[in-house]
Structures are given as structure tokens and as C-alpha cells.
PDB file of N, CA and C in Angstrom:
ATOM      1  N   UNK A   1       0.864  -1.187  -0.029  1.00  0.00           N
ATOM      2  CA  UNK A   1       0.012  -0.035   0.100  1.00  0.00           C
ATOM      3  C   UNK A   1       0.920   1.193  -0.043  1.00  0.00           C
ATOM      4  N   UNK A   2       0.640   2.104  -1.005  1.00  0.00           N
ATOM      5  CA  UNK A   2       1.432   3.374  -1.035  1.00  0.00           C
ATOM      6  C   UNK A   2       0.778   4.428  -0.428  1.00  0.00           C
ATOM      7  N   UNK A   3       1.503   5.468   0.282  1.00  0.00           N
ATOM      8  CA  UNK A   3       0.720   6.534   0.799  1.00  0.00           C
ATOM      9  C   UNK A   3       1.489   7.655   0.262  1.00  0.00           C
ATOM     10  N   UNK A   4       0.736   8.667  -0.241  1.00  0.00           N
ATOM     11  CA  UNK A   4       1.260   9.783  -1.007  1.00  0.00           C
ATOM     12  C   UNK A   4       2.079  10.718   0.148  1.00  0.00           C
ATOM     13  N   UNK A   5       2.898  11.584  -0.447  1.00  0.00           N
ATOM     14  CA  UNK A   5       3.741  12.364   0.442  1.00  0.00           C
ATOM     15  C   UNK A   5       2.935  13.327   1.159  1.00  0.00           C
ATOM     16  N   UNK A   6       1.883  13.861   0.391  1.00  0.00           N
ATOM     17  CA  UNK A   6       0.922  14.840   1.207  1.00  0.00           C
ATOM     18  C   UNK A   6       0.350  14.171   2.488  1.00  0.00           C
ATOM     19  N   UNK A   7      -0.134  12.979   2.092  1.00  0.00           N
ATOM     20  CA  UNK A   7      -0.764  12.176   3.247  1.00  0.00           C
ATOM     21  C   UNK A   7       0.061  11.906   4.353  1.00  0.00           C
ATOM     22  N   UNK A   8       1.393  11.576   4.101  1.00  0.00           N
ATOM     23  CA  UNK A   8       2.411  11.375   5.197  1.00  0.00           C
ATOM     24  C   UNK A   8       2.586  12.666   6.006  1.00  0.00           C
ATOM     25  N   UNK A   9       2.683  13.773   5.263  1.00  0.00           N
ATOM     26  CA  UNK A   9       2.945  15.007   5.943  1.00  0.00           C
ATOM     27  C   UNK A   9       1.777  15.309   6.952  1.00  0.00           C
ATOM     28  N   UNK A  10       0.412  15.004   6.421  1.00  0.00           N
ATOM     29  CA  UNK A  10      -0.690  15.181   7.266  1.00  0.00           C
ATOM     30  C   UNK A  10      -0.621  14.387   8.429  1.00  0.00           C
ATOM     31  N   UNK A  11      -0.214  13.057   8.323  1.00  0.00           N
ATOM     32  CA  UNK A  11      -0.249  12.088   9.462  1.00  0.00           C
ATOM     33  C   UNK A  11       0.879  12.551  10.497  1.00  0.00           C
ATOM     34  N   UNK A  12       2.008  12.996   9.973  1.00  0.00           N
ATOM     35  CA  UNK A  12       3.063  13.456  10.872  1.00  0.00           C
ATOM     36  C   UNK A  12       2.693  14.712  11.644  1.00  0.00           C
ATOM     37  N   UNK A  13       1.963  15.561  10.956  1.00  0.00           N
ATOM     38  CA  UNK A  13       1.526  16.891  11.601  1.00  0.00           C
ATOM     39  C   UNK A  13       0.411  16.474  12.646  1.00  0.00           C
ATOM     40  N   UNK A  14      -0.416  15.697  12.406  1.00  0.00           N
ATOM     41  CA  UNK A  14      -1.515  15.189  13.426  1.00  0.00           C
ATOM     42  C   UNK A  14      -0.861  14.589  14.597  1.00  0.00           C
ATOM     43  N   UNK A  15       0.044  13.765  14.245  1.00  0.00           N
ATOM     44  CA  UNK A  15       0.888  13.122  15.464  1.00  0.00           C
ATOM     45  C   UNK A  15       1.628  14.128  16.389  1.00  0.00           C
ATOM     46  N   UNK A  16       2.142  15.047  15.627  1.00  0.00           N
ATOM     47  CA  UNK A  16       2.943  16.107  16.309  1.00  0.00           C
ATOM     48  C   UNK A  16       1.972  16.879  17.183  1.00  0.00           C
ATOM     49  N   UNK A  17       0.807  17.292  16.645  1.00  0.00           N
ATOM     50  CA  UNK A  17      -0.029  18.112  17.441  1.00  0.00           C
ATOM     51  C   UNK A  17      -0.570  17.271  18.656  1.00  0.00           C
ATOM     52  N   UNK A  18      -0.846  16.077  18.414  1.00  0.00           N
ATOM     53  CA  UNK A  18      -1.414  15.171  19.554  1.00  0.00           C
ATOM     54  C   UNK A  18      -0.383  15.165  20.660  1.00  0.00           C
ATOM     55  N   UNK A  19       0.894  14.902  20.281  1.00  0.00           N
ATOM     56  CA  UNK A  19       2.077  14.977  21.263  1.00  0.00           C
ATOM     57  C   UNK A  19       2.223  16.176  22.002  1.00  0.00           C
ATOM     58  N   UNK A  20       2.083  17.229  21.268  1.00  0.00           N
ATOM     59  CA  UNK A  20       2.063  18.646  21.789  1.00  0.00           C
ATOM     60  C   UNK A  20       0.952  18.894  22.917  1.00  0.00           C
ATOM     61  N   UNK A  21      -0.323  18.523  22.425  1.00  0.00           N
ATOM     62  CA  UNK A  21      -1.463  18.622  23.387  1.00  0.00           C
ATOM     63  C   UNK A  21      -1.226  17.772  24.647  1.00  0.00           C
ATOM     64  N   UNK A  22      -0.770  16.545  24.481  1.00  0.00           N
ATOM     65  CA  UNK A  22      -0.546  15.624  25.669  1.00  0.00           C
ATOM     66  C   UNK A  22       0.550  16.208  26.666  1.00  0.00           C
ATOM     67  N   UNK A  23       1.564  16.873  26.105  1.00  0.00           N
ATOM     68  CA  UNK A  23       2.414  17.472  26.893  1.00  0.00           C
ATOM     69  C   UNK A  23       1.838  18.604  27.542  1.00  0.00           C
ATOM     70  N   UNK A  24       1.098  19.457  27.053  1.00  0.00           N
ATOM     71  CA  UNK A  24       0.329  20.569  27.707  1.00  0.00           C
ATOM     72  C   UNK A  24      -0.604  20.087  28.849  1.00  0.00           C
ATOM     73  N   UNK A  25      -1.340  18.994  28.496  1.00  0.00           N
ATOM     74  CA  UNK A  25      -2.170  18.316  29.504  1.00  0.00           C
ATOM     75  C   UNK A  25      -1.412  18.006  30.703  1.00  0.00           C
ATOM     76  N   UNK A  26      -0.365  17.215  30.390  1.00  0.00           N
ATOM     77  CA  UNK A  26       0.384  16.681  31.626  1.00  0.00           C
ATOM     78  C   UNK A  26       1.030  17.934  32.423  1.00  0.00           C
ATOM     79  N   UNK A  27       1.482  19.033  31.804  1.00  0.00           N
ATOM     80  CA  UNK A  27       1.826  20.211  32.548  1.00  0.00           C
ATOM     81  C   UNK A  27       0.761  20.901  33.348  1.00  0.00           C
ATOM     82  N   UNK A  28      -0.481  20.884  32.871  1.00  0.00           N
ATOM     83  CA  UNK A  28      -1.555  21.488  33.535  1.00  0.00           C
ATOM     84  C   UNK A  28      -1.908  20.561  34.652  1.00  0.00           C
ATOM     85  N   UNK A  29      -1.930  19.266  34.516  1.00  0.00           N
ATOM     86  CA  UNK A  29      -2.102  18.183  35.797  1.00  0.00           C
ATOM     87  C   UNK A  29      -1.119  18.486  36.671  1.00  0.00           C
ATOM     88  N   UNK A  30       0.098  18.617  36.317  1.00  0.00           N
ATOM     89  CA  UNK A  30       1.194  18.814  37.369  1.00  0.00           C
ATOM     90  C   UNK A  30       0.940  20.215  38.185  1.00  0.00           C
ATOM     91  N   UNK A  31       0.672  21.136  37.424  1.00  0.00           N
ATOM     92  CA  UNK A  31       0.514  22.521  37.906  1.00  0.00           C
ATOM     93  C   UNK A  31      -0.655  22.486  38.992  1.00  0.00           C
ATOM     94  N   UNK A  32      -1.872  21.983  38.637  1.00  0.00           N
ATOM     95  CA  UNK A  32      -3.003  21.902  39.468  1.00  0.00           C
ATOM     96  C   UNK A  32      -2.786  21.035  40.640  1.00  0.00           C
ATOM     97  N   UNK A  33      -2.094  19.928  40.500  1.00  0.00           N
ATOM     98  CA  UNK A  33      -1.716  19.043  41.595  1.00  0.00           C
ATOM     99  C   UNK A  33      -0.848  19.775  42.627  1.00  0.00           C
ATOM    100  N   UNK A  34       0.140  20.414  42.057  1.00  0.00           N
ATOM    101  CA  UNK A  34       1.225  21.191  42.868  1.00  0.00           C
ATOM    102  C   UNK A  34       0.473  22.306  43.626  1.00  0.00           C
ATOM    103  N   UNK A  35      -0.452  23.027  42.926  1.00  0.00           N
ATOM    104  CA  UNK A  35      -1.334  24.009  43.791  1.00  0.00           C
ATOM    105  C   UNK A  35      -2.156  23.366  44.853  1.00  0.00           C
ATOM    106  N   UNK A  36      -2.743  22.239  44.589  1.00  0.00           N
ATOM    107  CA  UNK A  36      -3.422  21.584  45.499  1.00  0.00           C
ATOM    108  C   UNK A  36      -2.664  21.093  46.604  1.00  0.00           C
ATOM    109  N   UNK A  37      -1.507  20.581  46.367  1.00  0.00           N
ATOM    110  CA  UNK A  37      -0.565  20.025  47.403  1.00  0.00           C
ATOM    111  C   UNK A  37      -0.183  21.241  48.382  1.00  0.00           C
ATOM    112  N   UNK A  38       0.194  22.365  47.640  1.00  0.00           N
ATOM    113  CA  UNK A  38       0.632  23.621  48.325  1.00  0.00           C
ATOM    114  C   UNK A  38      -0.471  24.110  49.297  1.00  0.00           C
ATOM    115  N   UNK A  39      -1.807  24.069  48.760  1.00  0.00           N
ATOM    116  CA  UNK A  39      -2.842  24.431  49.672  1.00  0.00           C
ATOM    117  C   UNK A  39      -3.072  23.514  50.850  1.00  0.00           C
ATOM    118  N   UNK A  40      -2.863  22.263  50.603  1.00  0.00           N
ATOM    119  CA  UNK A  40      -3.022  21.286  51.613  1.00  0.00           C
ATOM    120  C   UNK A  40      -1.930  21.417  52.815  1.00  0.00           C
ATOM    121  N   UNK A  41      -0.690  21.760  52.164  1.00  0.00           N
ATOM    122  CA  UNK A  41       0.405  21.952  53.208  1.00  0.00           C
ATOM    123  C   UNK A  41       0.218  23.271  53.869  1.00  0.00           C
ATOM    124  N   UNK A  42      -0.262  24.252  53.390  1.00  0.00           N
ATOM    125  CA  UNK A  42      -0.487  25.585  54.004  1.00  0.00           C
ATOM    126  C   UNK A  42      -1.664  25.332  55.113  1.00  0.00           C
ATOM    127  N   UNK A  43      -2.646  24.638  54.752  1.00  0.00           N
ATOM    128  CA  UNK A  43      -3.809  24.360  55.655  1.00  0.00           C
ATOM    129  C   UNK A  43      -3.277  23.473  56.917  1.00  0.00           C
ATOM    130  N   UNK A  44      -2.426  22.482  56.572  1.00  0.00           N
ATOM    131  CA  UNK A  44      -1.959  21.574  57.655  1.00  0.00           C
ATOM    132  C   UNK A  44      -1.022  22.492  58.525  1.00  0.00           C
ATOM    133  N   UNK A  45      -0.177  23.352  57.982  1.00  0.00           N
ATOM    134  CA  UNK A  45       0.652  24.297  58.782  1.00  0.00           C
ATOM    135  C   UNK A  45      -0.078  25.179  59.665  1.00  0.00           C
ATOM    136  N   UNK A  46      -1.272  25.746  59.083  1.00  0.00           N
ATOM    137  CA  UNK A  46      -2.066  26.693  59.872  1.00  0.00           C
ATOM    138  C   UNK A  46      -2.592  25.955  60.997  1.00  0.00           C
ATOM    139  N   UNK A  47      -3.166  24.666  60.838  1.00  0.00           N
ATOM    140  CA  UNK A  47      -3.716  23.934  61.896  1.00  0.00           C
ATOM    141  C   UNK A  47      -2.722  23.717  62.935  1.00  0.00           C
ATOM    142  N   UNK A  48      -1.528  23.269  62.600  1.00  0.00           N
ATOM    143  CA  UNK A  48      -0.462  23.062  63.612  1.00  0.00           C
ATOM    144  C   UNK A  48      -0.069  24.246  64.413  1.00  0.00           C
ATOM    145  N   UNK A  49      -0.054  25.479  63.809  1.00  0.00           N
ATOM    146  CA  UNK A  49       0.214  26.693  64.368  1.00  0.00           C
ATOM    147  C   UNK A  49      -0.912  27.191  65.367  1.00  0.00           C
ATOM    148  N   UNK A  50      -2.018  26.745  65.013  1.00  0.00           N
ATOM    149  CA  UNK A  50      -3.223  27.439  65.780  1.00  0.00           C
ATOM    150  C   UNK A  50      -3.838  26.531  66.865  1.00  0.00           C
ATOM    151  N   UNK A  51      -3.266  25.320  67.178  1.00  0.00           N
ATOM    152  CA  UNK A  51      -3.871  24.475  68.025  1.00  0.00           C
ATOM    153  C   UNK A  51      -2.765  24.140  69.335  1.00  0.00           C
ATOM    154  N   UNK A  52      -3.415  24.083  70.362  1.00  0.00           N
ATOM    155  CA  UNK A  52      -2.691  23.671  71.494  1.00  0.00           C
ATOM    156  C   UNK A  52      -2.115  22.339  71.433  1.00  0.00           C
ATOM    157  N   UNK A  53      -1.060  21.959  72.124  1.00  0.00           N
ATOM    158  CA  UNK A  53      -0.509  20.618  71.963  1.00  0.00           C
ATOM    159  C   UNK A  53      -1.559  19.526  71.936  1.00  0.00           C
ATOM    160  N   UNK A  54      -1.303  18.558  71.065  1.00  0.00           N
ATOM    161  CA  UNK A  54      -2.183  17.494  70.782  1.00  0.00           C
ATOM    162  C   UNK A  54      -1.769  16.292  71.635  1.00  0.00           C
ATOM    163  N   UNK A  55      -2.743  15.433  72.030  1.00  0.00           N
ATOM    164  CA  UNK A  55      -2.258  14.197  72.576  1.00  0.00           C
ATOM    165  C   UNK A  55      -1.734  13.476  71.580  1.00  0.00           C
ATOM    166  N   UNK A  56      -1.048  12.270  71.991  1.00  0.00           N
ATOM    167  CA  UNK A  56      -0.336  11.389  71.214  1.00  0.00           C
ATOM    168  C   UNK A  56      -1.069  10.856  70.017  1.00  0.00           C
ATOM    169  N   UNK A  57      -2.378  10.502  70.376  1.00  0.00           N
ATOM    170  CA  UNK A  57      -3.093   9.700  69.297  1.00  0.00           C
ATOM    171  C   UNK A  57      -3.389  10.660  68.184  1.00  0.00           C
ATOM    172  N   UNK A  58      -3.672  11.929  68.497  1.00  0.00           N
ATOM    173  CA  UNK A  58      -3.904  12.974  67.301  1.00  0.00           C
ATOM    174  C   UNK A  58      -2.654  13.143  66.552  1.00  0.00           C
ATOM    175  N   UNK A  59      -1.447  13.241  67.244  1.00  0.00           N
ATOM    176  CA  UNK A  59      -0.289  13.424  66.471  1.00  0.00           C
ATOM    177  C   UNK A  59       0.028  12.319  65.702  1.00  0.00           C
ATOM    178  N   UNK A  60      -0.310  11.069  66.033  1.00  0.00           N
ATOM    179  CA  UNK A  60       0.056   9.977  65.236  1.00  0.00           C
ATOM    180  C   UNK A  60      -0.872   9.980  64.029  1.00  0.00           C
ATOM    181  N   UNK A  61      -2.202  10.356  64.278  1.00  0.00           N
ATOM    182  CA  UNK A  61      -3.179  10.346  63.158  1.00  0.00           C
ATOM    183  C   UNK A  61      -2.819  11.580  62.148  1.00  0.00           C
ATOM    184  N   UNK A  62      -2.452  12.570  62.606  1.00  0.00           N
ATOM    185  CA  UNK A  62      -2.027  13.730  61.778  1.00  0.00           C
ATOM    186  C   UNK A  62      -0.820  13.433  61.037  1.00  0.00           C
ATOM    187  N   UNK A  63       0.207  12.682  61.495  1.00  0.00           N
ATOM    188  CA  UNK A  63       1.356  12.221  60.867  1.00  0.00           C
ATOM    189  C   UNK A  63       1.066  11.319  59.840  1.00  0.00           C
ATOM    190  N   UNK A  64       0.093  10.420  60.120  1.00  0.00           N
ATOM    191  CA  UNK A  64      -0.282   9.439  59.143  1.00  0.00           C
ATOM    192  C   UNK A  64      -0.923  10.130  57.902  1.00  0.00           C
ATOM    193  N   UNK A  65      -1.768  11.205  58.053  1.00  0.00           N
ATOM    194  CA  UNK A  65      -2.426  11.884  57.072  1.00  0.00           C
ATOM    195  C   UNK A  65      -1.227  12.515  56.184  1.00  0.00           C
ATOM    196  N   UNK A  66      -0.313  13.140  56.817  1.00  0.00           N
ATOM    197  CA  UNK A  66       0.828  13.795  56.129  1.00  0.00           C
ATOM    198  C   UNK A  66       1.611  12.755  55.261  1.00  0.00           C
ATOM    199  N   UNK A  67       1.796  11.736  55.874  1.00  0.00           N
ATOM    200  CA  UNK A  67       2.657  10.536  55.117  1.00  0.00           C
ATOM    201  C   UNK A  67       1.732  10.081  53.974  1.00  0.00           C
ATOM    202  N   UNK A  68       0.466   9.942  54.034  1.00  0.00           N
ATOM    203  CA  UNK A  68      -0.212   9.412  52.883  1.00  0.00           C
ATOM    204  C   UNK A  68      -0.327  10.485  51.937  1.00  0.00           C
ATOM    205  N   UNK A  69      -0.363  11.800  52.295  1.00  0.00           N
ATOM    206  CA  UNK A  69      -0.378  12.789  51.259  1.00  0.00           C
ATOM    207  C   UNK A  69       1.056  12.887  50.442  1.00  0.00           C
ATOM    208  N   UNK A  70       2.066  12.606  51.250  1.00  0.00           N
ATOM    209  CA  UNK A  70       3.384  12.479  50.667  1.00  0.00           C
ATOM    210  C   UNK A  70       3.577  11.357  49.703  1.00  0.00           C
ATOM    211  N   UNK A  71       3.001  10.209  50.114  1.00  0.00           N
ATOM    212  CA  UNK A  71       3.110   9.006  49.242  1.00  0.00           C
ATOM    213  C   UNK A  71       2.214   9.402  47.871  1.00  0.00           C
ATOM    214  N   UNK A  72       1.059   9.803  48.100  1.00  0.00           N
ATOM    215  CA  UNK A  72       0.145  10.258  47.012  1.00  0.00           C
ATOM    216  C   UNK A  72       1.035  11.141  45.960  1.00  0.00           C
ATOM    217  N   UNK A  73       1.546  12.274  46.575  1.00  0.00           N
ATOM    218  CA  UNK A  73       2.329  13.132  45.692  1.00  0.00           C
ATOM    219  C   UNK A  73       3.382  12.444  44.950  1.00  0.00           C
ATOM    220  N   UNK A  74       4.307  11.575  45.598  1.00  0.00           N
ATOM    221  CA  UNK A  74       5.339  10.872  45.032  1.00  0.00           C
ATOM    222  C   UNK A  74       4.817   9.982  43.912  1.00  0.00           C
ATOM    223  N   UNK A  75       3.636   9.243  44.079  1.00  0.00           N
ATOM    224  CA  UNK A  75       3.240   8.376  43.066  1.00  0.00           C
ATOM    225  C   UNK A  75       2.620   9.255  41.869  1.00  0.00           C
ATOM    226  N   UNK A  76       1.969  10.357  42.121  1.00  0.00           N
ATOM    227  CA  UNK A  76       1.498  11.054  40.983  1.00  0.00           C
ATOM    228  C   UNK A  76       2.664  11.775  40.292  1.00  0.00           C
ATOM    229  N   UNK A  77       3.670  12.293  40.947  1.00  0.00           N
ATOM    230  CA  UNK A  77       4.956  12.810  40.110  1.00  0.00           C
ATOM    231  C   UNK A  77       5.576  11.763  39.394  1.00  0.00           C
ATOM    232  N   UNK A  78       5.569  10.532  39.892  1.00  0.00           N
ATOM    233  CA  UNK A  78       6.151   9.346  39.134  1.00  0.00           C
ATOM    234  C   UNK A  78       5.564   9.136  37.845  1.00  0.00           C
ATOM    235  N   UNK A  79       4.155   9.170  38.048  1.00  0.00           N
ATOM    236  CA  UNK A  79       3.270   8.882  36.806  1.00  0.00           C
ATOM    237  C   UNK A  79       3.516   9.953  35.861  1.00  0.00           C
ATOM    238  N   UNK A  80       3.606  11.245  36.208  1.00  0.00           N
ATOM    239  CA  UNK A  80       3.773  12.305  35.358  1.00  0.00           C
ATOM    240  C   UNK A  80       5.043  12.204  34.692  1.00  0.00           C
ATOM    241  N   UNK A  81       6.115  11.881  35.306  1.00  0.00           N
ATOM    242  CA  UNK A  81       7.365  11.645  34.769  1.00  0.00           C
ATOM    243  C   UNK A  81       7.380  10.603  33.779  1.00  0.00           C
ATOM    244  N   UNK A  82       6.831   9.409  34.099  1.00  0.00           N
ATOM    245  CA  UNK A  82       6.822   8.376  33.050  1.00  0.00           C
ATOM    246  C   UNK A  82       6.018   8.820  31.808  1.00  0.00           C
ATOM    247  N   UNK A  83       4.883   9.652  32.041  1.00  0.00           N
ATOM    248  CA  UNK A  83       4.124  10.033  30.825  1.00  0.00           C
ATOM    249  C   UNK A  83       4.994  11.010  29.942  1.00  0.00           C
ATOM    250  N   UNK A  84       5.871  11.761  30.628  1.00  0.00           N
ATOM    251  CA  UNK A  84       6.820  12.772  29.784  1.00  0.00           C
ATOM    252  C   UNK A  84       7.846  11.909  28.992  1.00  0.00           C
ATOM    253  N   UNK A  85       8.267  10.981  29.831  1.00  0.00           N
ATOM    254  CA  UNK A  85       9.296   9.954  29.136  1.00  0.00           C
ATOM    255  C   UNK A  85       8.601   9.185  27.861  1.00  0.00           C
ATOM    256  N   UNK A  86       7.481   8.732  28.076  1.00  0.00           N
ATOM    257  CA  UNK A  86       6.858   8.108  27.077  1.00  0.00           C
ATOM    258  C   UNK A  86       6.535   8.862  25.820  1.00  0.00           C
ATOM    259  N   UNK A  87       6.315  10.185  26.234  1.00  0.00           N
ATOM    260  CA  UNK A  87       5.859  11.156  25.103  1.00  0.00           C
ATOM    261  C   UNK A  87       7.088  11.682  24.391  1.00  0.00           C
ATOM    262  N   UNK A  88       8.229  11.363  24.794  1.00  0.00           N
ATOM    263  CA  UNK A  88       9.553  11.978  24.137  1.00  0.00           C
ATOM    264  C   UNK A  88       9.468  11.397  22.762  1.00  0.00           C
TER     265      UNK A  88
END
């Protein structure tokens, strides 16, 4: 099956546009996630600064929440990195 040169150019331009759009979507997701994470961090910091000393149980629970947020952020960033690597 032979494909004309014009058709090949159209296919390459379409693929290039899709790749470009995918990179922009990944950047947008990264930015929105970073803003969400920054907001969560500021909220947690505000809570820590405005509360009397907590009992041990609440400290452990709060530490667990922070740890889960941290793991979620790492996993998300790893997925974004692999998406960028695949898109190269």
C-alpha cells in the first residue's frame, strides 16, 4: 500500500499536534496538583500553628495523614514523569 507524500505529512502533523497537546495536559495536571498540594500543606501548617499541643493519638493520626499525602504526591509525580518519558 502506497501513501502519498501529502498524506504522510498530514499524518506526521497530526501526530505532532497530539504529542504537543498531551505534553500541555500533563503540565496542566502537574500544576493543578502542585497548587492543591501547596494548599493542603498551608492548611496543615495553619492547623499546627493554631492548636494547643495535641495528645499522642492525634499526633500519630495527623502524621499518618501527612505521610499518605506525601506518598500520593510521589506516586503522582512518578506517573507524570513516566508520561513525559513516554511522550518523548
